[in-house]
Amino acid sequence: MNYARVAIIKKPGAFDAALTYKIPKLLQKILESGHLVMVPLRGVSTRGIVVSTTSELANNDTKEVDLKEVESLLNIGEDDFFSTPLLNPTHLELAQEMASYYHYSPLRCLKLMLPKHLWKGTGKRILKTFIDQNEPIPESISFPLKPLKHELNAEQKQALELIQGSDKPALLQGVTGSGKTEIYLHLMLEAVQSGKQAIFLLPEIGLTPQMIDYFSAYFGDKIALFHSKLSDGERLREWL
């Protein structure tokens, strides 16, 4: 028998500790950490996040005979279930580290990893549209999508090489228009080409449109945008 530790999605403070549920046969080979599931709680079907799975019960767990089963994966339609874990191991590990470091509720930290629509159980239409329309990135795709417009000058190359040759944080200093963004682009391309991701932070929201135009020329639509003016629906779409 396999078991799942499930963080109940309720108002933070109501259930801060994960609860243990039995994994039914139909989900034995499917359920993973990070899945959103439906579980019974006090006679009501309740949403939860699987934070871990195990084949053995912990000493402080309820006896197996008293455990209830996970009901299903998150349902987004009459016969559709969201079979992909919405949180990956990095999300779960980060939430645990945050909870430990700041002596904070693990559930409150997990809440930071999900858009409000998912936390509240809304946004199912957006999720279903994402599943129906989403196509995996072809393995043959490569970045940049088109040749870079400018070659780096001597100073830019020197700065780039210094950053690439160090494992420490770097501060790139230069006046407006001196070509810092070109260096950022090279570093981001290097990260993406090696299978990683890159985050580009802007000091003010007003710069967003021109930066999106600039980077989308090289990364296409493989860019997620987050800022304070996004609606909850837009945040969910970007998060997906």
Protein backbone atom coordinates (compact mmCIF):
# COMPACT_ATOMS: atom_id res chain seq x y z
CA MET A 1 0.00 0.00 0.00
CA ASN A 2 1.22 3.48 -0.87
CA TYR A 3 0.35 6.65 0.96
CA ALA A 4 0.25 10.35 0.16
CA ARG A 5 0.90 13.27 2.47
CA VAL A 6 -1.57 15.94 1.42
CA ALA A 7 -1.57 19.62 2.37
CA ILE A 8 -5.21 20.66 2.61
CA ILE A 9 -6.02 23.81 0.66
CA LYS A 10 -7.90 25.77 3.26
CA LYS A 11 -7.48 29.15 4.85
CA PRO A 12 -3.86 29.21 6.12
CA GLY A 13 -3.86 28.38 9.79
CA ALA A 14 -6.80 25.97 9.53
CA PHE A 15 -4.61 23.00 8.49
CA ASP A 16 -0.90 23.64 8.67
CA ALA A 17 0.20 20.00 8.82
CA ALA A 18 -0.15 17.60 5.90
CA LEU A 19 -2.59 14.71 6.35
CA THR A 20 -1.97 11.12 5.30
CA TYR A 21 -4.24 9.37 2.80
CA LYS A 22 -4.15 5.97 1.15
CA ILE A 23 -3.51 6.01 -2.60
CA PRO A 24 -6.18 3.93 -4.40
CA LYS A 25 -5.16 1.33 -6.97
CA LEU A 26 -6.25 3.50 -9.90
CA LEU A 27 -3.78 6.21 -8.86
CA GLN A 28 -0.91 4.01 -7.64
CA LYS A 29 1.18 4.53 -10.79
CA ILE A 30 -0.03 8.07 -11.47
CA LEU A 31 0.03 10.08 -8.26
CA GLU A 32 3.17 12.12 -7.61
CA SER A 33 4.30 14.90 -5.34
CA GLY A 34 2.94 18.18 -6.66
CA HIS A 35 -0.39 16.81 -7.88
CA LEU A 36 -3.56 18.66 -6.95
CA VAL A 37 -6.09 16.15 -5.63
CA MET A 38 -9.52 15.82 -4.11
CA VAL A 39 -9.60 14.18 -0.68
CA PRO A 40 -12.33 13.58 1.90
CA LEU A 41 -12.21 15.74 5.01
CA ARG A 42 -14.96 15.77 7.63
CA GLY A 43 -17.43 14.36 5.14
CA VAL A 44 -16.67 16.93 2.45
CA SER A 45 -14.59 16.57 -0.73
CA THR A 46 -11.68 18.99 -0.34
CA ARG A 47 -8.79 20.12 -2.54
CA GLY A 48 -5.22 19.39 -1.50
CA ILE A 49 -1.63 19.29 -2.73
CA VAL A 50 0.38 16.08 -2.55
CA VAL A 51 3.62 17.05 -0.81
CA SER A 52 5.10 13.54 -0.70
CA THR A 53 4.34 9.88 -1.28
CA THR A 54 5.62 6.89 0.67
CA SER A 55 5.18 3.15 0.97
CA GLU A 56 5.35 3.18 4.76
CA LEU A 57 3.38 4.95 7.46
CA ALA A 58 5.20 7.21 9.88
CA ASN A 59 5.11 6.28 13.56
CA ASN A 60 2.82 9.19 14.38
CA ASP A 61 0.35 8.43 11.57
CA THR A 62 -3.13 7.03 12.16
CA LYS A 63 -3.48 3.29 11.75
CA GLU A 64 -4.03 2.21 8.15
CA VAL A 65 -7.52 0.96 8.86
CA ASP A 66 -8.55 4.49 9.83
CA LEU A 67 -7.05 6.23 6.79
CA LYS A 68 -9.24 7.48 3.98
CA GLU A 69 -8.34 7.27 0.29
CA VAL A 70 -7.46 10.05 -2.14
CA GLU A 71 -10.62 10.50 -4.21
CA SER A 72 -9.19 11.72 -7.52
CA LEU A 73 -6.87 14.12 -9.25
CA LEU A 74 -8.09 17.71 -9.60
CA ASN A 75 -11.21 17.65 -11.75
CA ILE A 76 -11.43 20.41 -14.36
CA GLY A 77 -14.48 19.20 -16.25
CA GLU A 78 -17.01 16.41 -16.40
CA ASP A 79 -14.48 13.76 -17.38
CA ASP A 80 -11.23 15.70 -17.44
CA PHE A 81 -8.57 15.54 -14.76
CA PHE A 82 -5.41 17.56 -14.54
CA SER A 83 -2.91 14.71 -14.65
CA THR A 84 0.26 16.82 -14.64
CA PRO A 85 1.74 17.77 -11.23
CA LEU A 86 1.30 21.53 -10.89
CA LEU A 87 4.17 21.83 -8.44
CA ASN A 88 7.56 20.31 -9.20
CA PRO A 89 10.09 19.09 -6.61
CA THR A 90 11.84 22.49 -6.68
CA HIS A 91 8.60 24.25 -5.65
CA LEU A 92 8.01 21.82 -2.80
CA GLU A 93 11.59 21.98 -1.59
CA LEU A 94 11.59 25.77 -1.68
CA ALA A 95 8.35 25.92 0.31
CA GLN A 96 9.79 23.60 2.95
CA GLU A 97 13.00 25.59 3.19
CA MET A 98 11.06 28.85 3.51
CA ALA A 99 8.87 27.37 6.24
CA SER A 100 11.91 26.11 8.14
CA TYR A 101 14.02 29.25 7.74
CA TYR A 102 11.27 31.73 8.61
CA HIS A 103 9.50 29.45 11.15
CA TYR A 104 6.39 29.83 9.05
CA SER A 105 3.46 27.63 8.15
CA PRO A 106 4.38 25.17 5.33
CA LEU A 107 0.90 25.62 3.89
CA ARG A 108 1.30 29.39 3.72
CA CYS A 109 4.57 28.89 1.86
CA LEU A 110 2.97 26.42 -0.56
CA LYS A 111 0.27 29.00 -1.21
CA LEU A 112 2.92 31.33 -2.62
CA MET A 113 3.74 28.73 -5.28
CA LEU A 114 0.25 28.72 -6.82
CA PRO A 115 -1.82 31.41 -8.55
CA LYS A 116 -4.87 32.61 -6.62
CA HIS A 117 -7.28 30.96 -9.07
CA LEU A 118 -5.83 27.50 -8.37
CA TRP A 119 -5.71 28.10 -4.64
CA LYS A 120 -9.36 29.12 -4.59
CA GLY A 121 -10.44 26.30 -6.90
CA THR A 122 -11.49 28.65 -9.69
CA GLY A 123 -9.90 29.01 -13.10
CA LYS A 124 -10.89 25.53 -14.26
CA ARG A 125 -11.90 26.86 -17.68
CA ILE A 126 -8.42 28.33 -18.14
CA LEU A 127 -6.84 25.06 -17.05
CA LYS A 128 -8.95 23.04 -19.48
CA THR A 129 -8.12 25.42 -22.34
CA PHE A 130 -4.43 25.08 -21.46
CA ILE A 131 -4.64 21.27 -21.59
CA ASP A 132 -6.61 21.25 -24.84
CA GLN A 133 -4.40 23.75 -26.66
CA ASN A 134 -0.99 23.29 -25.09
CA GLU A 135 1.64 21.68 -27.28
CA PRO A 136 5.06 20.61 -26.02
CA ILE A 137 8.04 22.59 -27.23
CA PRO A 138 9.58 20.67 -30.15
CA GLU A 139 12.89 19.11 -29.23
CA SER A 140 14.45 20.70 -32.31
CA ILE A 141 13.65 24.28 -31.28
CA SER A 142 16.72 26.39 -30.61
CA PHE A 143 17.29 29.91 -29.39
CA PRO A 144 17.78 32.61 -30.47
CA LEU A 145 14.98 32.36 -32.99
CA LYS A 146 16.82 34.81 -35.23
CA PRO A 147 20.42 36.11 -35.43
CA LEU A 148 21.39 38.74 -32.88
CA LYS A 149 21.17 42.27 -34.21
CA HIS A 150 24.44 43.51 -32.78
CA GLU A 151 27.87 42.12 -32.10
CA LEU A 152 29.34 42.86 -28.71
CA ASN A 153 32.07 45.49 -28.62
CA ALA A 154 35.36 44.96 -26.77
CA GLU A 155 34.07 46.29 -23.41
CA GLN A 156 30.91 44.20 -23.60
CA LYS A 157 32.89 41.06 -24.43
CA GLN A 158 35.22 41.70 -21.51
CA ALA A 159 32.29 42.15 -19.11
CA LEU A 160 30.58 39.02 -20.44
CA GLU A 161 33.71 36.92 -20.07
CA LEU A 162 34.26 38.15 -16.50
CA ILE A 163 30.71 37.18 -15.56
CA GLN A 164 30.93 33.81 -17.29
CA GLY A 165 34.23 33.05 -15.57
CA SER A 166 32.94 33.70 -12.07
CA ASP A 167 30.50 31.82 -9.83
CA LYS A 168 29.75 34.92 -7.77
CA PRO A 169 26.96 37.50 -8.26
CA ALA A 170 28.00 40.31 -10.60
CA LEU A 171 27.04 43.99 -10.75
CA LEU A 172 27.07 45.35 -14.27
CA GLN A 173 27.57 49.09 -14.22
CA GLY A 174 26.95 51.37 -17.18
CA VAL A 175 24.99 54.44 -18.20
CA THR A 176 21.70 54.17 -20.09
CA GLY A 177 22.28 53.02 -23.64
CA SER A 178 25.74 51.59 -22.95
CA GLY A 179 24.70 48.08 -24.01
CA LYS A 180 24.03 46.27 -20.74
CA THR A 181 20.87 44.61 -22.10
CA GLU A 182 22.88 42.95 -24.89
CA ILE A 183 25.06 41.33 -22.23
CA TYR A 184 21.97 40.19 -20.32
CA LEU A 185 20.62 38.68 -23.54
CA HIS A 186 23.80 36.67 -24.11
CA LEU A 187 23.72 35.35 -20.54
CA MET A 188 20.04 34.43 -20.82
CA LEU A 189 20.60 32.64 -24.12
CA GLU A 190 23.47 30.74 -22.57
CA ALA A 191 21.24 29.61 -19.68
CA VAL A 192 18.32 28.59 -21.94
CA GLN A 193 20.58 26.74 -24.37
CA SER A 194 21.88 24.66 -21.46
CA GLY A 195 18.35 23.68 -20.42
CA LYS A 196 17.92 26.27 -17.68
CA GLN A 197 15.63 29.26 -17.28
CA ALA A 198 16.35 32.94 -16.75
CA ILE A 199 14.57 35.72 -14.85
CA PHE A 200 14.91 39.30 -16.05
CA LEU A 201 13.83 41.92 -13.51
CA LEU A 202 12.86 45.46 -14.43
CA PRO A 203 12.98 48.43 -12.05
CA GLU A 204 9.64 49.84 -13.23
CA ILE A 205 6.55 48.53 -14.98
CA GLY A 206 6.70 51.24 -17.65
CA LEU A 207 9.71 49.53 -19.24
CA THR A 208 7.84 46.27 -19.75
CA PRO A 209 6.49 46.74 -23.32
CA GLN A 210 9.82 47.60 -24.89
CA MET A 211 11.60 44.77 -23.09
CA ILE A 212 8.94 42.27 -24.17
CA ASP A 213 9.35 43.42 -27.77
CA TYR A 214 13.12 43.11 -27.47
CA PHE A 215 13.28 39.63 -25.93
CA SER A 216 10.33 38.12 -27.83
CA ALA A 217 12.31 38.67 -31.04
CA TYR A 218 14.75 36.03 -29.79
CA PHE A 219 12.58 33.82 -27.54
CA GLY A 220 9.22 34.05 -29.33
CA ASP A 221 6.26 33.32 -27.08
CA LYS A 222 8.35 31.31 -24.62
CA ILE A 223 8.32 34.25 -22.22
CA ALA A 224 6.20 34.56 -19.07
CA LEU A 225 5.38 38.05 -17.85
CA PHE A 226 4.55 38.95 -14.25
CA HIS A 227 3.78 42.36 -12.82
CA SER A 228 1.37 43.98 -10.37
CA LYS A 229 -1.21 44.97 -13.00
CA LEU A 230 -2.02 41.42 -14.14
CA SER A 231 -5.48 40.07 -13.33
CA ASP A 232 -5.82 36.73 -11.52
CA GLY A 233 -6.74 35.06 -14.83
CA GLU A 234 -3.69 36.54 -16.57
CA ARG A 235 -1.45 35.40 -13.72
CA LEU A 236 -2.77 31.86 -14.07
CA ARG A 237 -2.16 31.86 -17.84
CA GLU A 238 1.40 33.13 -17.38
CA TRP A 239 2.06 30.67 -14.58
CA LEU A 240 0.96 27.77 -16.80
